[in-house]
N, C-alpha and C. Protein backbone atom coordinates (compact mmCIF):
# COMPACT_ATOMS: atom_id res chain seq x y z
N UNK A 1 -9.52 -40.71 -18.12
CA UNK A 1 -9.02 -39.00 -17.97
C UNK A 1 -10.70 -38.57 -17.12
N UNK A 2 -11.53 -38.85 -17.53
CA UNK A 2 -12.87 -38.29 -17.20
C UNK A 2 -13.33 -38.76 -16.24
N UNK A 3 -13.12 -39.94 -15.88
CA UNK A 3 -13.23 -40.56 -14.35
C UNK A 3 -12.41 -39.66 -13.24
N UNK A 4 -11.58 -38.97 -13.42
CA UNK A 4 -10.27 -38.30 -12.76
C UNK A 4 -11.29 -37.12 -11.88
N UNK A 5 -11.82 -36.38 -12.88
CA UNK A 5 -12.27 -35.06 -13.04
C UNK A 5 -10.91 -34.03 -13.21
N UNK A 6 -11.47 -32.85 -12.55
CA UNK A 6 -10.64 -31.49 -12.85
C UNK A 6 -9.68 -31.84 -11.74
N UNK A 7 -9.46 -32.03 -10.68
CA UNK A 7 -8.32 -32.10 -9.98
C UNK A 7 -7.14 -33.14 -10.45
N UNK A 8 -8.00 -34.22 -10.65
CA UNK A 8 -6.66 -35.21 -11.36
C UNK A 8 -6.28 -34.34 -12.37
N UNK A 9 -6.60 -33.65 -13.30
CA UNK A 9 -5.96 -33.44 -14.77
C UNK A 9 -5.32 -32.19 -14.37
N UNK A 10 -5.89 -30.92 -13.47
CA UNK A 10 -4.95 -29.90 -13.08
C UNK A 10 -3.61 -30.39 -12.24
N UNK A 11 -3.87 -31.38 -11.34
CA UNK A 11 -2.84 -31.55 -9.93
C UNK A 11 -1.54 -32.27 -11.10
N UNK A 12 -1.74 -32.83 -12.13
CA UNK A 12 -0.47 -33.76 -12.95
C UNK A 12 0.74 -32.54 -12.67
N UNK A 13 1.75 -32.69 -13.10
CA UNK A 13 3.21 -31.99 -13.21
C UNK A 13 2.84 -30.94 -11.99
N UNK A 14 2.35 -30.68 -10.96
CA UNK A 14 2.26 -29.21 -10.50
C UNK A 14 3.25 -29.42 -8.94
N UNK A 15 3.85 -30.84 -8.64
CA UNK A 15 5.28 -30.89 -7.66
C UNK A 15 6.49 -30.21 -8.22
N UNK A 16 6.60 -29.47 -6.91
CA UNK A 16 8.37 -28.95 -7.21
C UNK A 16 9.35 -29.94 -7.41
N UNK A 17 10.66 -29.32 -8.34
CA UNK A 17 11.55 -29.82 -8.50
C UNK A 17 12.61 -29.39 -7.57
N UNK A 18 12.72 -30.50 -6.89
CA UNK A 18 14.10 -30.22 -5.93
C UNK A 18 15.34 -30.36 -6.71
N UNK A 19 15.72 -29.08 -6.07
CA UNK A 19 17.18 -28.67 -6.14
C UNK A 19 17.33 -27.83 -7.54
N UNK A 20 16.35 -27.69 -7.80
CA UNK A 20 16.05 -26.68 -9.18
C UNK A 20 16.76 -24.97 -8.76
N UNK A 21 17.47 -24.30 -9.60
CA UNK A 21 18.17 -22.93 -9.07
C UNK A 21 16.38 -22.51 -9.88
N UNK A 22 16.55 -21.21 -8.70
CA UNK A 22 15.29 -19.94 -8.95
C UNK A 22 15.51 -18.81 -9.63
N UNK A 23 15.59 -18.13 -10.74
CA UNK A 23 16.29 -17.27 -11.55
C UNK A 23 16.11 -16.32 -10.39
N UNK A 24 17.25 -15.18 -10.46
CA UNK A 24 17.14 -13.98 -9.46
C UNK A 24 16.00 -12.90 -10.04
N UNK A 25 14.96 -12.44 -8.92
CA UNK A 25 13.85 -11.75 -8.77
C UNK A 25 12.53 -12.67 -8.40
N UNK A 26 12.97 -13.93 -8.58
CA UNK A 26 11.61 -14.45 -8.38
C UNK A 26 11.75 -14.90 -6.81
N UNK A 27 10.58 -14.61 -6.00
CA UNK A 27 10.55 -14.78 -4.93
C UNK A 27 11.38 -13.19 -3.91
N UNK A 28 11.81 -12.43 -4.57
CA UNK A 28 12.64 -11.52 -4.12
C UNK A 28 11.80 -10.65 -3.09
N UNK A 29 12.22 -9.91 -2.07
CA UNK A 29 11.47 -9.13 -1.06
C UNK A 29 11.14 -7.83 -1.65
N UNK A 30 10.27 -7.34 -0.84
CA UNK A 30 9.11 -6.09 -1.74
C UNK A 30 10.28 -5.15 -0.80
N UNK A 31 10.72 -3.85 -2.04
CA UNK A 31 11.37 -2.97 -0.89
C UNK A 31 10.83 -2.14 -0.29
N UNK A 32 11.39 -1.75 1.03
CA UNK A 32 10.78 -1.31 2.18
C UNK A 32 10.07 0.02 2.13
N UNK A 33 10.31 0.70 0.92
CA UNK A 33 9.29 2.18 0.64
C UNK A 33 8.05 1.95 0.18
N UNK A 34 7.80 0.81 -0.68
CA UNK A 34 6.76 0.40 -1.04
C UNK A 34 5.39 0.38 -0.51
N UNK A 35 6.06 -0.20 0.58
CA UNK A 35 4.51 -0.24 1.93
C UNK A 35 4.29 1.10 2.47
N UNK A 36 4.81 1.99 2.61
CA UNK A 36 4.75 3.27 2.94
C UNK A 36 3.81 4.13 2.03
N UNK A 37 4.61 3.83 0.35
CA UNK A 37 3.53 4.40 -0.67
C UNK A 37 2.39 3.83 -0.72
N UNK A 38 2.16 2.71 -0.43
CA UNK A 38 0.66 2.04 -0.68
C UNK A 38 -0.39 2.11 0.62
N UNK A 39 0.49 2.36 1.64
CA UNK A 39 -0.21 2.55 3.11
C UNK A 39 0.48 3.69 3.41
N UNK A 40 -0.06 5.30 3.25
CA UNK A 40 0.60 5.98 3.97
C UNK A 40 0.00 6.20 5.66
N UNK A 41 0.87 6.83 6.13
CA UNK A 41 0.64 6.83 7.56
C UNK A 41 1.32 5.22 8.24
N UNK A 42 1.95 4.31 7.71
CA UNK A 42 1.75 3.55 8.61
C UNK A 42 3.50 3.30 8.87
N UNK A 43 4.31 4.35 8.34
CA UNK A 43 5.68 4.30 8.69
C UNK A 43 6.27 5.23 8.36
N UNK A 44 7.43 6.27 8.92
CA UNK A 44 7.78 7.39 8.29
C UNK A 44 7.17 8.54 8.96
N UNK A 45 7.99 9.41 8.80
CA UNK A 45 7.49 10.55 9.40
C UNK A 45 6.06 11.10 8.40
N UNK A 46 4.97 11.60 9.01
CA UNK A 46 3.73 12.35 8.48
C UNK A 46 3.85 13.66 8.03
N UNK A 47 3.58 13.74 6.73
CA UNK A 47 3.31 14.34 5.65
C UNK A 47 2.54 15.56 5.98
N UNK A 48 2.95 17.04 6.30
CA UNK A 48 1.63 18.28 6.04
C UNK A 48 0.31 17.66 5.47
N UNK A 49 -0.46 18.50 6.12
CA UNK A 49 -2.07 18.15 5.51
C UNK A 49 -1.90 19.55 4.71
N UNK A 50 -2.67 19.23 2.84
CA UNK A 50 -2.29 20.12 2.27
C UNK A 50 -3.88 21.14 2.12
N UNK A 51 -4.18 21.77 3.08
CA UNK A 51 -5.50 22.22 3.66
C UNK A 51 -5.94 23.17 2.26
N UNK A 52 -4.93 24.17 1.70
CA UNK A 52 -5.88 24.95 0.66
C UNK A 52 -6.26 24.20 -0.23
N UNK A 53 -5.53 23.05 -0.77
CA UNK A 53 -5.84 22.25 -1.96
C UNK A 53 -6.61 21.11 -1.82
N UNK A 54 -7.15 20.96 -0.46
CA UNK A 54 -7.85 20.03 -0.08
C UNK A 54 -9.42 20.30 0.19
N UNK A 55 -9.46 21.61 0.91
CA UNK A 55 -10.60 22.20 0.73
C UNK A 55 -11.19 23.02 -0.32
N UNK A 56 -10.13 23.09 -1.41
CA UNK A 56 -10.89 23.61 -2.89
C UNK A 56 -11.38 22.44 -3.56
N UNK A 57 -10.77 21.26 -3.47
CA UNK A 57 -11.13 20.10 -4.11
C UNK A 57 -12.87 19.80 -3.04
N UNK A 58 -12.38 19.74 -2.08
CA UNK A 58 -13.88 19.58 -1.42
C UNK A 58 -15.10 20.41 -1.71
N UNK A 59 -14.86 21.97 -2.25
CA UNK A 59 -15.64 22.64 -2.45
C UNK A 59 -16.07 22.27 -3.45
N UNK A 60 -15.34 22.05 -4.29
CA UNK A 60 -16.09 21.79 -6.09
C UNK A 60 -16.70 20.80 -5.90
N UNK A 61 -16.18 19.61 -5.53
CA UNK A 61 -17.18 18.19 -5.33
C UNK A 61 -18.05 18.30 -4.82
N UNK A 62 -18.44 19.53 -3.23
CA UNK A 62 -20.01 19.44 -3.14
C UNK A 62 -20.73 20.01 -3.96
N UNK A 63 -20.08 21.24 -4.32
CA UNK A 63 -21.06 21.98 -5.33
C UNK A 63 -21.56 21.00 -6.73
N UNK A 64 -20.88 20.36 -7.27
CA UNK A 64 -21.27 19.23 -8.27
C UNK A 64 -21.96 17.99 -7.76
N UNK A 65 -21.64 17.86 -6.36
CA UNK A 65 -22.97 16.62 -5.94
C UNK A 65 -24.09 17.35 -5.41
N UNK A 66 -23.90 18.71 -4.88
CA UNK A 66 -25.33 19.25 -4.83
C UNK A 66 -25.98 19.40 -5.93
N UNK A 67 -25.53 20.11 -7.44
CA UNK A 67 -26.04 20.21 -8.12
C UNK A 67 -26.48 18.89 -9.03
N UNK A 68 -26.31 17.98 -8.93
CA UNK A 68 -26.37 16.63 -9.17
C UNK A 68 -27.36 15.97 -8.59
N UNK A 69 -27.60 16.07 -7.44
CA UNK A 69 -28.55 15.72 -6.53
C UNK A 69 -30.14 16.67 -6.81
N UNK A 70 -29.54 17.74 -6.73
CA UNK A 70 -30.97 18.92 -6.81
C UNK A 70 -31.49 18.25 -7.99
N UNK A 71 -30.84 18.64 -9.13
CA UNK A 71 -31.15 18.07 -10.31
C UNK A 71 -32.20 16.68 -10.91
N UNK A 72 -31.40 15.66 -10.01
CA UNK A 72 -32.24 14.48 -10.33
C UNK A 72 -33.34 14.08 -9.32
N UNK A 73 -33.29 15.20 -8.32
CA UNK A 73 -34.36 15.33 -7.32
C UNK A 73 -35.51 16.14 -8.15
N UNK A 74 -35.24 17.15 -8.73
CA UNK A 74 -36.30 17.61 -9.59
C UNK A 74 -37.25 17.17 -10.65
N UNK A 75 -36.11 16.42 -11.36
CA UNK A 75 -36.42 15.56 -12.57
C UNK A 75 -37.74 14.40 -12.15
N UNK A 76 -37.09 13.69 -10.88
CA UNK A 76 -37.88 12.89 -10.68
C UNK A 76 -39.25 13.34 -10.14
N UNK A 77 -39.41 14.34 -9.25
CA UNK A 77 -40.56 14.96 -8.88
C UNK A 77 -41.65 15.64 -9.77
N UNK A 78 -40.68 15.86 -10.51
CA UNK A 78 -41.64 16.25 -11.87
C UNK A 78 -42.36 15.49 -12.55
N UNK A 79 -41.74 13.99 -12.87
CA UNK A 79 -42.34 13.17 -13.84
C UNK A 79 -42.62 12.25 -12.68
N UNK A 80 -42.76 11.57 -11.27
CA UNK A 80 -43.20 10.88 -10.41
C UNK A 80 -43.69 11.54 -9.32
N UNK A 81 -43.80 12.66 -8.90
CA UNK A 81 -44.32 12.85 -7.78
C UNK A 81 -43.31 12.84 -6.55
N UNK A 82 -43.35 11.91 -5.82
CA UNK A 82 -42.63 11.78 -4.63
C UNK A 82 -42.17 10.65 -4.52
N UNK A 83 -41.56 10.20 -5.76
CA UNK A 83 -40.62 8.91 -5.76
C UNK A 83 -39.60 9.28 -5.60
N UNK A 84 -38.85 10.82 -5.70
CA UNK A 84 -37.72 11.24 -5.52
C UNK A 84 -37.03 10.77 -4.20
N UNK A 85 -38.27 10.99 -3.00
CA UNK A 85 -37.39 10.73 -1.69
C UNK A 85 -36.67 9.26 -1.59
N UNK A 86 -37.40 7.61 -2.13
CA UNK A 86 -36.54 6.83 -2.35
C UNK A 86 -35.50 6.81 -2.86
N UNK A 87 -35.55 7.43 -4.34
CA UNK A 87 -34.54 7.57 -4.78
C UNK A 87 -33.26 8.31 -4.62
N UNK A 88 -33.49 9.67 -3.68
CA UNK A 88 -32.53 10.10 -2.79
C UNK A 88 -31.98 9.10 -1.69
N UNK A 89 -32.78 8.38 -0.87
CA UNK A 89 -32.30 7.49 -0.16
C UNK A 89 -31.06 6.25 -0.75
N UNK A 90 -31.99 6.02 -2.15
CA UNK A 90 -30.99 5.03 -2.66
C UNK A 90 -29.59 5.33 -3.28
N UNK A 91 -29.46 6.64 -3.57
CA UNK A 91 -28.37 7.66 -4.00
C UNK A 91 -27.31 7.69 -2.81
N UNK A 92 -27.52 7.92 -1.63
CA UNK A 92 -27.27 8.35 -0.44
C UNK A 92 -26.40 7.01 -0.13
N UNK A 93 -27.54 5.90 0.41
CA UNK A 93 -26.95 4.74 0.80
C UNK A 93 -25.93 3.89 -0.48
N UNK A 94 -26.16 4.16 -1.37
CA UNK A 94 -25.42 3.51 -2.35
C UNK A 94 -23.89 4.44 -2.48
N UNK A 95 -24.00 5.56 -2.33
CA UNK A 95 -22.66 6.06 -2.02
C UNK A 95 -21.91 5.96 -0.90
N UNK A 96 -22.78 5.78 -0.05
CA UNK A 96 -22.15 5.62 1.65
C UNK A 96 -21.15 4.96 1.91
N UNK A 97 -20.77 3.31 1.32
CA UNK A 97 -19.57 2.77 1.54
C UNK A 97 -18.37 3.32 0.86
N UNK A 98 -18.39 3.94 -0.54
CA UNK A 98 -17.25 4.20 -1.22
C UNK A 98 -16.92 5.47 -0.78
N UNK A 99 -17.71 6.25 0.27
CA UNK A 99 -16.96 7.47 0.89
C UNK A 99 -16.23 7.32 1.93
N UNK A 100 -17.36 6.21 2.99
CA UNK A 100 -16.69 5.66 3.99
C UNK A 100 -15.45 5.28 3.80
N UNK A 101 -14.98 4.45 2.71
CA UNK A 101 -13.69 3.98 2.43
C UNK A 101 -12.81 5.02 1.77
N UNK A 102 -13.13 6.17 1.59
CA UNK A 102 -12.29 7.08 0.88
C UNK A 102 -11.66 7.87 2.36
N UNK A 103 -12.73 7.83 3.29
CA UNK A 103 -11.69 8.61 4.42
C UNK A 103 -10.37 8.72 4.90
N UNK A 104 -9.61 7.66 4.48
CA UNK A 104 -8.76 6.61 5.12
C UNK A 104 -7.54 7.27 4.29
N UNK A 105 -7.98 7.55 2.80
CA UNK A 105 -6.73 7.70 1.41
C UNK A 105 -6.69 9.18 1.90
N UNK A 106 -4.78 9.50 1.45
CA UNK A 106 -4.90 10.85 1.49
C UNK A 106 -5.21 11.94 0.74
N UNK A 107 -5.62 11.60 -0.48
CA UNK A 107 -6.28 12.47 -1.61
C UNK A 107 -7.71 12.66 -1.45
N UNK A 108 -8.29 11.26 -1.40
CA UNK A 108 -9.62 10.98 -1.66
C UNK A 108 -10.27 11.57 -0.70
N UNK A 109 -9.85 11.25 0.54
CA UNK A 109 -10.82 11.86 1.55
C UNK A 109 -10.92 13.17 1.37
N UNK A 110 -10.56 14.54 0.67
CA UNK A 110 -11.13 15.38 0.40
C UNK A 110 -12.57 15.08 -0.74
N UNK A 111 -12.28 14.53 -1.65
CA UNK A 111 -13.38 14.05 -2.40
C UNK A 111 -14.57 13.63 -1.66
N UNK A 112 -14.22 12.78 -0.60
CA UNK A 112 -15.55 11.81 -0.23
C UNK A 112 -15.93 13.03 1.00
N UNK A 113 -15.46 13.95 1.66
CA UNK A 113 -15.65 14.92 2.11
C UNK A 113 -17.05 15.65 1.56
N UNK A 114 -16.04 16.07 0.41
CA UNK A 114 -17.19 16.99 -0.74
C UNK A 114 -18.55 15.95 -0.98
N UNK A 115 -18.55 14.91 -0.93
CA UNK A 115 -19.91 13.92 -1.69
C UNK A 115 -20.52 14.47 -0.30
N UNK A 116 -20.02 13.57 1.07
CA UNK A 116 -20.46 13.82 2.03
C UNK A 116 -21.35 15.08 2.49
N UNK A 117 -20.85 16.13 2.52
CA UNK A 117 -21.42 17.75 2.42
C UNK A 117 -22.49 17.98 1.46
N UNK A 118 -22.17 17.41 0.15
CA UNK A 118 -22.76 17.71 -0.99
C UNK A 118 -24.43 17.38 -0.62
N UNK A 119 -24.55 16.28 -0.29
CA UNK A 119 -25.67 15.33 -0.17
C UNK A 119 -26.33 15.84 1.01
N UNK A 120 -25.55 16.01 2.44
CA UNK A 120 -26.21 16.48 3.37
C UNK A 120 -27.11 18.06 3.11
N UNK A 121 -26.12 18.95 2.43
CA UNK A 121 -26.39 20.21 2.11
C UNK A 121 -28.02 19.94 1.05
N UNK A 122 -28.05 19.10 0.42
CA UNK A 122 -29.04 18.92 -0.52
C UNK A 122 -30.75 18.33 0.08
N UNK A 123 -30.00 17.46 0.99
CA UNK A 123 -30.75 16.85 1.41
C UNK A 123 -31.59 17.75 2.58
N UNK A 124 -30.56 18.79 3.48
CA UNK A 124 -31.42 19.73 4.36
C UNK A 124 -32.42 20.46 3.74
N UNK A 125 -31.70 21.19 2.59
CA UNK A 125 -32.56 22.05 1.42
C UNK A 125 -34.08 21.36 0.97
N UNK A 126 -33.81 19.63 0.62
CA UNK A 126 -35.31 19.21 0.15
C UNK A 126 -35.97 19.61 1.59
N UNK A 127 -35.38 19.04 2.76
CA UNK A 127 -36.22 18.99 3.85
C UNK A 127 -37.11 20.11 4.18
N UNK A 128 -36.11 21.01 3.83
CA UNK A 128 -37.12 22.49 4.35
C UNK A 128 -37.69 22.99 3.18
N UNK A 129 -37.42 23.02 2.25
CA UNK A 129 -38.43 22.97 1.17
C UNK A 129 -39.74 22.33 1.16
N UNK A 130 -39.57 21.30 1.41
CA UNK A 130 -41.02 20.47 1.68
C UNK A 130 -41.75 20.72 2.66
N UNK A 131 -40.80 21.18 3.80
CA UNK A 131 -41.65 21.51 5.09
C UNK A 131 -42.54 22.81 4.49
N UNK A 132 -41.84 23.61 4.11
CA UNK A 132 -42.49 25.12 3.53
C UNK A 132 -43.84 24.77 2.65
N UNK A 133 -43.63 23.71 2.00
CA UNK A 133 -44.64 23.41 1.04
C UNK A 133 -44.66 23.41 -0.38
N UNK A 134 -43.28 23.27 -0.70
CA UNK A 134 -42.79 23.77 -1.98
C UNK A 134 -41.88 22.31 -2.55
N UNK A 135 -42.75 21.60 -2.57
CA UNK A 135 -41.74 20.36 -3.06
C UNK A 135 -41.20 20.54 -4.18
N UNK A 136 -39.69 19.71 -4.48
CA UNK A 136 -38.77 19.93 -5.83
C UNK A 136 -40.14 19.71 -6.81
């Protein structure tokens, strides 16, 4: 047993039984409607875009991310000086893959738009305040 390794032990008894009856439900096909729910936009008519709800969610997420990034920047600037610049870049680059993946999901795209807009507004504000001579 030791000489055969793991493959020899696991492989025992793994052969299918010829002529065995499979219980109903095993190997059944997925209902046709589940694909449309998991991957919207692939089948069926498109749904209308909920602009009011989406833009409201985007506005709240933008405000939250803007506040969060400004607080992070001001805290790091007060404690460590110019360390806020690489920290802000790491924060943005770390969120970028998740935000990029959110853009195709029906509800999550609004959150992704809010995160991206909040970071861009914060960075624009930080560049302007640093250029004026009043770093965060």
